[in-house]
Amino acid sequence: MNRVTVTDLKRMRDRGERIAMVTAYDYPTAKLADEAGIPMILVGDTLGMVVLGYDSTVPVTIEEMIHHGKAVVRGAQNAHIVVDMPFGSYQTGWQDALRNAIRIMQETGCSSVKLEGGQRSAETVMRLVEAGVPVMGHIGLTPQSVNTLGGFKVQGRTPREAVHLIQDAKALESAGAYAIVLETVPTALAHMITQRVNVPTIGIGAGPFCSGQVQVWHDMLGLYDALTPKHARRFADVGAVIRQALGDYRRLVESGEFPTRKESFYMDDRALELIRRMTASDAEDMSEAERVMAELAEDISRPNAGGPA
């Protein structure tokens, strides 16, 4: 199969097919997502929190995004791979943004990039798209701007904020963004935005009426407890399974029950005896070692009993 393209995603949206998207940050998770048929994978800068242990996405560097993006591209053969542009890689002007976006595309082999901001980022999006870089927009709660937003709060609850977000979405569409992430906005507003733009909307905490949904891998599988967003559903408690498995391993090592014969390797008895003779005493001179090696060589060259001469 060929990778899912921006054209494929637009067709899915036009046919009313909901688009499932998840984050991934390494080869094995990307491979699993791809094998599950997930059409879009986001290498999100959330890796700063759920993988690297930062307290926000702000410290994430472009080098870190490229490092993880490469692994994800190697792991997923069919999914459309989106790599986040981290904080500081596009806010200083469209020239810097273009340079960094091209670097991300070239070094990771990803399908597109994502950046935050609506009207304020529209010119940058336009310049990137003109240069041949597919761009996914991101409005609503924009984690890279969490300090100016006053925390992780629902966006667009007032009429003024709602109108501003609708204008943001339209500006991104006009600039050439092929899709728009709507994060942590009221369901009714997300529905209005989805009806007013002709590109897929991908919701996260934006209700069921978007063109698709994205969830963070670690939230879905119970692998990250420092932050528990209301919009995240835990589809499996893999974290508990891993903790149980590690605890079992520790106890078996401490009790001497692991490893057993099943997990061990063995060698030929005659070779073992020869090794014992060769290393019987540190005082033995090399002549004895040479004699044993000669005996071993003679034994190896001797025809097997009953075998061909």
Foldseek 3Di string as FASTA:
>chain_A
DAAQALVNQLVCLVVLHAAEEEEDQAQVVLLVCQVVVRQEYEPELCCCCLPVNDPFSQVDDLVSQLVRLQRNPVRHRHHQYETEDGPPQPPVHLVSVLVSQVVSCVRRVGRAYEYEDFLSCLQSLLVNVVVPGAYEYEDFDDRNCQVVVVHPAAFDPDPVRLVVVLNRLVSNVVSPHQEYEYERYDQVSQLVSQVVHSHFYEYQNRDDNGSYYYDYPCQQACSDDPDNDPRGHNVHPVVVVVVVVVVVVVVCVVVVVPPDPVPDDDDDPVVVVLVCQLPVDPPDDVVSVVVSVVVVVVVVPDDDVVDDD
